[in-house]
């Protein structure tokens, strides 16, 4: 089973300066463990919304909007693509990812199984 883990956060509530050296070191340890376990297929953080573009379609008409997106209070800050034996296993890895961040981070993840019927 493949799962997409979407990492959501409020940039205004994130610690000033972003992830510190301890968090990065702990994250690297977790990523190495996930890789050795054969669970992690891909992961990355996303560039700030100021550098993003949205393409919206309504009534057949498309609109292109460049960031920043001031009405957005929550953004997808990154993702992990996992290969697991079960939904529960994917949720456990996602929980471990959150624990690495510590109490100073207001962060959540959404775990979604990929529809591999294509």
N, C-alpha and C. Protein backbone atom coordinates (compact mmCIF):
# COMPACT_ATOMS: atom_id res chain seq x y z
N UNK A 1 0.84 -1.18 0.00
CA UNK A 1 0.00 0.00 0.00
C UNK A 1 0.89 1.24 0.00
N UNK A 2 0.55 2.16 -0.88
CA UNK A 2 1.28 3.43 -0.87
C UNK A 2 0.39 4.49 -0.21
N UNK A 3 1.04 5.37 0.57
CA UNK A 3 0.33 6.44 1.26
C UNK A 3 1.06 7.76 1.04
N UNK A 4 0.28 8.79 0.82
CA UNK A 4 0.80 10.15 0.76
C UNK A 4 0.55 10.78 2.12
N UNK A 5 1.58 11.29 2.73
CA UNK A 5 1.47 11.99 3.99
C UNK A 5 1.68 13.47 3.69
N UNK A 6 0.62 14.25 3.84
CA UNK A 6 0.68 15.69 3.60
C UNK A 6 0.93 16.40 4.92
N UNK A 7 1.96 17.22 4.95
CA UNK A 7 2.38 17.89 6.17
C UNK A 7 1.79 19.30 6.16
N UNK A 8 0.88 19.56 7.09
CA UNK A 8 0.18 20.84 7.14
C UNK A 8 0.64 21.65 8.35
N UNK A 9 0.79 22.95 8.13
CA UNK A 9 1.16 23.83 9.23
C UNK A 9 0.70 25.25 8.94
N UNK A 10 0.63 26.03 9.99
CA UNK A 10 0.34 27.46 9.89
C UNK A 10 1.68 28.17 9.97
N UNK A 11 2.14 28.79 8.87
CA UNK A 11 3.46 29.43 8.90
C UNK A 11 3.59 30.49 9.99
N UNK A 12 2.48 31.15 10.33
CA UNK A 12 2.51 32.18 11.37
C UNK A 12 2.75 31.58 12.75
N UNK A 13 2.43 30.30 12.93
CA UNK A 13 2.61 29.64 14.22
C UNK A 13 3.90 28.83 14.29
N UNK A 14 4.65 28.76 13.20
CA UNK A 14 5.90 27.99 13.19
C UNK A 14 6.98 28.75 13.96
N UNK A 15 7.90 28.04 14.58
CA UNK A 15 8.99 28.71 15.29
C UNK A 15 9.77 29.65 14.36
N UNK A 16 10.15 30.80 14.90
CA UNK A 16 10.93 31.77 14.12
C UNK A 16 12.21 31.10 13.63
N UNK A 17 12.53 31.30 12.38
CA UNK A 17 13.74 30.71 11.81
C UNK A 17 13.56 29.30 11.30
N UNK A 18 12.36 28.74 11.48
CA UNK A 18 12.10 27.39 10.97
C UNK A 18 12.75 26.31 11.80
N UNK A 19 13.01 25.16 11.20
CA UNK A 19 13.59 24.02 11.94
C UNK A 19 14.99 24.35 12.44
N UNK A 20 15.27 23.96 13.69
CA UNK A 20 16.61 24.18 14.24
C UNK A 20 17.50 22.97 13.93
N UNK A 21 18.77 23.06 14.33
CA UNK A 21 19.73 22.00 14.02
C UNK A 21 19.34 20.67 14.67
N UNK A 22 18.81 20.70 15.89
CA UNK A 22 18.39 19.48 16.57
C UNK A 22 17.29 18.78 15.79
N UNK A 23 16.29 19.56 15.35
CA UNK A 23 15.19 18.98 14.59
C UNK A 23 15.71 18.37 13.29
N UNK A 24 16.59 19.06 12.61
CA UNK A 24 17.12 18.54 11.35
C UNK A 24 17.91 17.25 11.58
N UNK A 25 18.69 17.19 12.66
CA UNK A 25 19.45 15.97 12.97
C UNK A 25 18.50 14.81 13.30
N UNK A 26 17.48 15.09 14.12
CA UNK A 26 16.50 14.05 14.46
C UNK A 26 15.73 13.60 13.23
N UNK A 27 15.40 14.53 12.36
CA UNK A 27 14.67 14.20 11.14
C UNK A 27 15.53 13.32 10.23
N UNK A 28 16.80 13.64 10.12
CA UNK A 28 17.70 12.82 9.30
C UNK A 28 17.79 11.39 9.83
N UNK A 29 17.80 11.22 11.17
CA UNK A 29 17.83 9.89 11.76
C UNK A 29 16.56 9.12 11.41
N UNK A 30 15.40 9.80 11.53
CA UNK A 30 14.13 9.15 11.20
C UNK A 30 14.07 8.80 9.71
N UNK A 31 14.49 9.70 8.86
CA UNK A 31 14.47 9.44 7.42
C UNK A 31 15.37 8.26 7.08
N UNK A 32 16.52 8.18 7.72
CA UNK A 32 17.43 7.05 7.50
C UNK A 32 16.77 5.74 7.94
N UNK A 33 16.10 5.77 9.09
CA UNK A 33 15.41 4.57 9.59
C UNK A 33 14.28 4.16 8.63
N UNK A 34 13.52 5.12 8.14
CA UNK A 34 12.43 4.83 7.21
C UNK A 34 12.97 4.26 5.89
N UNK A 35 14.09 4.79 5.45
CA UNK A 35 14.71 4.32 4.21
C UNK A 35 15.20 2.88 4.38
N UNK A 36 15.89 2.59 5.49
CA UNK A 36 16.38 1.23 5.75
C UNK A 36 15.24 0.23 5.88
N UNK A 37 14.10 0.69 6.42
CA UNK A 37 12.93 -0.19 6.58
C UNK A 37 12.20 -0.39 5.25
N UNK A 38 12.60 0.34 4.21
CA UNK A 38 11.96 0.21 2.91
C UNK A 38 10.60 0.88 2.82
N UNK A 39 10.33 1.78 3.76
CA UNK A 39 9.03 2.44 3.84
C UNK A 39 9.00 3.76 3.07
N UNK A 40 10.09 4.51 3.12
CA UNK A 40 10.12 5.85 2.52
C UNK A 40 10.45 5.77 1.03
N UNK A 41 9.50 6.19 0.21
CA UNK A 41 9.73 6.23 -1.24
C UNK A 41 10.23 7.60 -1.68
N UNK A 42 9.74 8.66 -1.03
CA UNK A 42 10.15 10.02 -1.38
C UNK A 42 9.67 10.96 -0.28
N UNK A 43 10.37 12.06 -0.10
CA UNK A 43 9.96 13.10 0.84
C UNK A 43 10.63 14.41 0.45
N UNK A 44 9.95 15.50 0.75
CA UNK A 44 10.53 16.82 0.50
C UNK A 44 9.69 17.88 1.18
N UNK A 45 10.33 18.97 1.51
CA UNK A 45 9.61 20.15 1.95
C UNK A 45 9.24 20.96 0.71
N UNK A 46 8.29 21.84 0.87
CA UNK A 46 7.87 22.69 -0.25
C UNK A 46 8.36 24.11 -0.04
N UNK A 47 8.64 24.79 -1.12
CA UNK A 47 9.07 26.18 -1.07
C UNK A 47 7.91 27.02 -0.53
N UNK A 48 8.19 28.22 -0.03
CA UNK A 48 7.13 29.07 0.55
C UNK A 48 6.04 29.42 -0.46
N UNK A 49 4.85 29.70 0.05
CA UNK A 49 3.72 30.03 -0.82
C UNK A 49 3.98 31.28 -1.64
N UNK A 50 4.85 32.14 -1.17
CA UNK A 50 5.20 33.34 -1.94
C UNK A 50 5.74 32.99 -3.31
N UNK A 51 6.31 31.80 -3.43
CA UNK A 51 6.90 31.36 -4.69
C UNK A 51 5.97 30.44 -5.48
N UNK A 52 4.77 30.21 -4.95
CA UNK A 52 3.84 29.28 -5.59
C UNK A 52 2.88 29.97 -6.54
N UNK A 53 2.19 29.16 -7.30
CA UNK A 53 1.15 29.61 -8.23
C UNK A 53 -0.03 28.67 -8.11
N UNK A 54 -1.22 29.24 -8.10
CA UNK A 54 -2.44 28.44 -8.11
C UNK A 54 -3.14 28.64 -9.44
N UNK A 55 -3.65 27.55 -9.98
CA UNK A 55 -4.47 27.61 -11.18
C UNK A 55 -5.85 27.14 -10.76
N UNK A 56 -6.83 28.00 -10.88
CA UNK A 56 -8.19 27.71 -10.43
C UNK A 56 -9.11 27.66 -11.63
N UNK A 57 -10.01 26.70 -11.64
CA UNK A 57 -10.99 26.60 -12.71
C UNK A 57 -12.39 26.68 -12.11
N UNK A 58 -13.21 27.54 -12.68
CA UNK A 58 -14.60 27.69 -12.25
C UNK A 58 -15.43 28.05 -13.47
N UNK A 59 -16.49 27.30 -13.69
CA UNK A 59 -17.34 27.56 -14.84
C UNK A 59 -16.60 27.43 -16.16
N UNK A 60 -15.57 26.58 -16.20
CA UNK A 60 -14.81 26.37 -17.42
C UNK A 60 -13.74 27.43 -17.68
N UNK A 61 -13.65 28.45 -16.81
CA UNK A 61 -12.66 29.51 -16.99
C UNK A 61 -11.54 29.33 -15.97
N UNK A 62 -10.30 29.43 -16.45
CA UNK A 62 -9.15 29.27 -15.56
C UNK A 62 -8.57 30.63 -15.20
N UNK A 63 -8.13 30.71 -13.93
CA UNK A 63 -7.47 31.90 -13.41
C UNK A 63 -6.14 31.46 -12.81
N UNK A 64 -5.08 32.20 -13.10
CA UNK A 64 -3.76 31.92 -12.55
C UNK A 64 -3.48 32.98 -11.49
N UNK A 65 -3.14 32.52 -10.27
CA UNK A 65 -2.89 33.42 -9.14
C UNK A 65 -1.51 33.13 -8.60
N UNK A 66 -0.66 34.15 -8.57
CA UNK A 66 0.68 33.99 -8.00
C UNK A 66 0.64 34.26 -6.51
N UNK A 67 1.49 33.55 -5.76
CA UNK A 67 1.59 33.74 -4.31
C UNK A 67 2.22 35.07 -3.99
N UNK A 68 2.13 35.52 -2.76
CA UNK A 68 1.61 34.78 -1.61
C UNK A 68 0.09 34.75 -1.60
N UNK A 69 -0.44 33.78 -0.89
CA UNK A 69 -1.89 33.60 -0.81
C UNK A 69 -2.32 34.04 0.58
N UNK A 70 -2.65 35.31 0.71
CA UNK A 70 -2.90 35.92 2.02
C UNK A 70 -4.08 35.31 2.75
N UNK A 71 -5.06 34.76 2.03
CA UNK A 71 -6.22 34.18 2.70
C UNK A 71 -5.94 32.80 3.29
N UNK A 72 -4.76 32.26 3.04
CA UNK A 72 -4.41 30.92 3.51
C UNK A 72 -3.84 30.98 4.92
N UNK A 73 -4.46 30.26 5.84
CA UNK A 73 -3.96 30.18 7.21
C UNK A 73 -3.16 28.90 7.43
N UNK A 74 -3.39 27.92 6.59
CA UNK A 74 -2.71 26.64 6.70
C UNK A 74 -2.16 26.27 5.33
N UNK A 75 -0.93 25.77 5.31
CA UNK A 75 -0.32 25.39 4.03
C UNK A 75 0.21 23.96 4.12
N UNK A 76 0.36 23.35 2.98
CA UNK A 76 1.06 22.07 2.91
C UNK A 76 2.54 22.42 2.82
N UNK A 77 3.28 22.07 3.85
CA UNK A 77 4.69 22.43 3.92
C UNK A 77 5.62 21.38 3.36
N UNK A 78 5.09 20.18 3.10
CA UNK A 78 5.90 19.11 2.57
C UNK A 78 5.09 17.84 2.47
N UNK A 79 5.77 16.77 2.11
CA UNK A 79 5.08 15.49 1.94
C UNK A 79 6.06 14.34 2.16
N UNK A 80 5.49 13.18 2.40
CA UNK A 80 6.22 11.91 2.40
C UNK A 80 5.39 10.93 1.59
N UNK A 81 6.04 10.15 0.78
CA UNK A 81 5.38 9.06 0.07
C UNK A 81 5.90 7.76 0.69
N UNK A 82 4.97 6.99 1.27
CA UNK A 82 5.34 5.79 2.00
C UNK A 82 4.81 4.53 1.33
N UNK A 83 5.53 3.43 1.51
CA UNK A 83 5.09 2.10 1.09
C UNK A 83 4.98 1.29 2.38
N UNK A 84 3.75 0.94 2.77
CA UNK A 84 3.53 0.23 4.03
C UNK A 84 2.65 -0.98 3.80
N UNK A 85 2.60 -1.84 4.82
CA UNK A 85 1.75 -3.04 4.75
C UNK A 85 0.30 -2.74 5.14
N UNK A 86 0.07 -1.60 5.83
CA UNK A 86 -1.28 -1.30 6.31
C UNK A 86 -1.44 0.21 6.54
N UNK A 87 -2.69 0.61 6.68
CA UNK A 87 -2.96 2.00 7.04
C UNK A 87 -2.39 2.32 8.42
N UNK A 88 -2.53 1.37 9.35
CA UNK A 88 -2.03 1.59 10.70
C UNK A 88 -0.52 1.84 10.71
N UNK A 89 0.21 1.11 9.88
CA UNK A 89 1.66 1.32 9.80
C UNK A 89 1.98 2.71 9.26
N UNK A 90 1.25 3.16 8.26
CA UNK A 90 1.46 4.51 7.71
C UNK A 90 1.19 5.56 8.77
N UNK A 91 0.13 5.37 9.53
CA UNK A 91 -0.21 6.33 10.60
C UNK A 91 0.88 6.33 11.68
N UNK A 92 1.43 5.17 12.01
CA UNK A 92 2.49 5.11 13.01
C UNK A 92 3.73 5.87 12.55
N UNK A 93 4.14 5.71 11.29
CA UNK A 93 5.29 6.47 10.78
C UNK A 93 4.98 7.96 10.79
N UNK A 94 3.77 8.35 10.42
CA UNK A 94 3.39 9.76 10.44
C UNK A 94 3.42 10.31 11.86
N UNK A 95 2.99 9.51 12.83
CA UNK A 95 3.03 9.93 14.24
C UNK A 95 4.46 10.14 14.71
N UNK A 96 5.34 9.25 14.30
CA UNK A 96 6.76 9.40 14.66
C UNK A 96 7.33 10.68 14.06
N UNK A 97 6.94 10.97 12.82
CA UNK A 97 7.37 12.21 12.17
C UNK A 97 6.94 13.43 13.01
N UNK A 98 5.71 13.44 13.47
CA UNK A 98 5.22 14.55 14.29
C UNK A 98 5.97 14.66 15.61
N UNK A 99 6.22 13.52 16.27
CA UNK A 99 6.91 13.54 17.56
C UNK A 99 8.30 14.16 17.44
N UNK A 100 8.98 13.94 16.33
CA UNK A 100 10.32 14.51 16.13
C UNK A 100 10.29 16.04 16.23
N UNK A 101 9.18 16.64 15.85
CA UNK A 101 9.08 18.10 15.84
C UNK A 101 9.02 18.73 17.22
N UNK A 102 8.56 18.01 18.21
CA UNK A 102 8.51 18.55 19.56
C UNK A 102 7.34 19.49 19.78
N UNK A 103 7.18 19.95 21.02
CA UNK A 103 6.00 20.73 21.41
C UNK A 103 5.96 22.15 20.84
N UNK A 104 7.07 22.65 20.35
CA UNK A 104 7.08 24.03 19.85
C UNK A 104 6.43 24.17 18.47
N UNK A 105 6.13 23.05 17.83
CA UNK A 105 5.54 23.08 16.50
C UNK A 105 4.04 22.76 16.57
N UNK A 106 3.22 23.59 15.95
CA UNK A 106 1.80 23.31 15.73
C UNK A 106 1.73 22.75 14.32
N UNK A 107 1.58 21.45 14.21
CA UNK A 107 1.71 20.79 12.91
C UNK A 107 0.79 19.57 12.89
N UNK A 108 0.30 19.24 11.72
CA UNK A 108 -0.49 18.02 11.57
C UNK A 108 -0.17 17.39 10.24
N UNK A 109 -0.48 16.12 10.13
CA UNK A 109 -0.32 15.43 8.86
C UNK A 109 -1.64 14.79 8.47
N UNK A 110 -1.83 14.67 7.19
CA UNK A 110 -2.97 13.95 6.64
C UNK A 110 -2.41 12.74 5.91
N UNK A 111 -2.86 11.56 6.29
CA UNK A 111 -2.38 10.30 5.70
C UNK A 111 -3.47 9.80 4.77
N UNK A 112 -3.12 9.67 3.49
CA UNK A 112 -4.09 9.23 2.47
C UNK A 112 -3.50 8.11 1.65
N UNK A 113 -4.24 7.02 1.52
CA UNK A 113 -3.79 5.92 0.68
C UNK A 113 -3.96 6.30 -0.78
N UNK A 114 -2.96 5.98 -1.60
CA UNK A 114 -3.06 6.24 -3.03
C UNK A 114 -4.00 5.22 -3.66
N UNK A 115 -4.75 5.67 -4.63
CA UNK A 115 -5.63 4.79 -5.39
C UNK A 115 -4.80 4.21 -6.52
N UNK A 116 -4.31 3.00 -6.32
CA UNK A 116 -3.41 2.37 -7.28
C UNK A 116 -4.15 1.59 -8.36
N UNK A 117 -5.37 1.97 -8.64
CA UNK A 117 -6.16 1.25 -9.65
C UNK A 117 -5.98 1.80 -11.05
N UNK A 118 -5.03 2.73 -11.24
CA UNK A 118 -4.84 3.35 -12.55
C UNK A 118 -4.20 2.47 -13.47
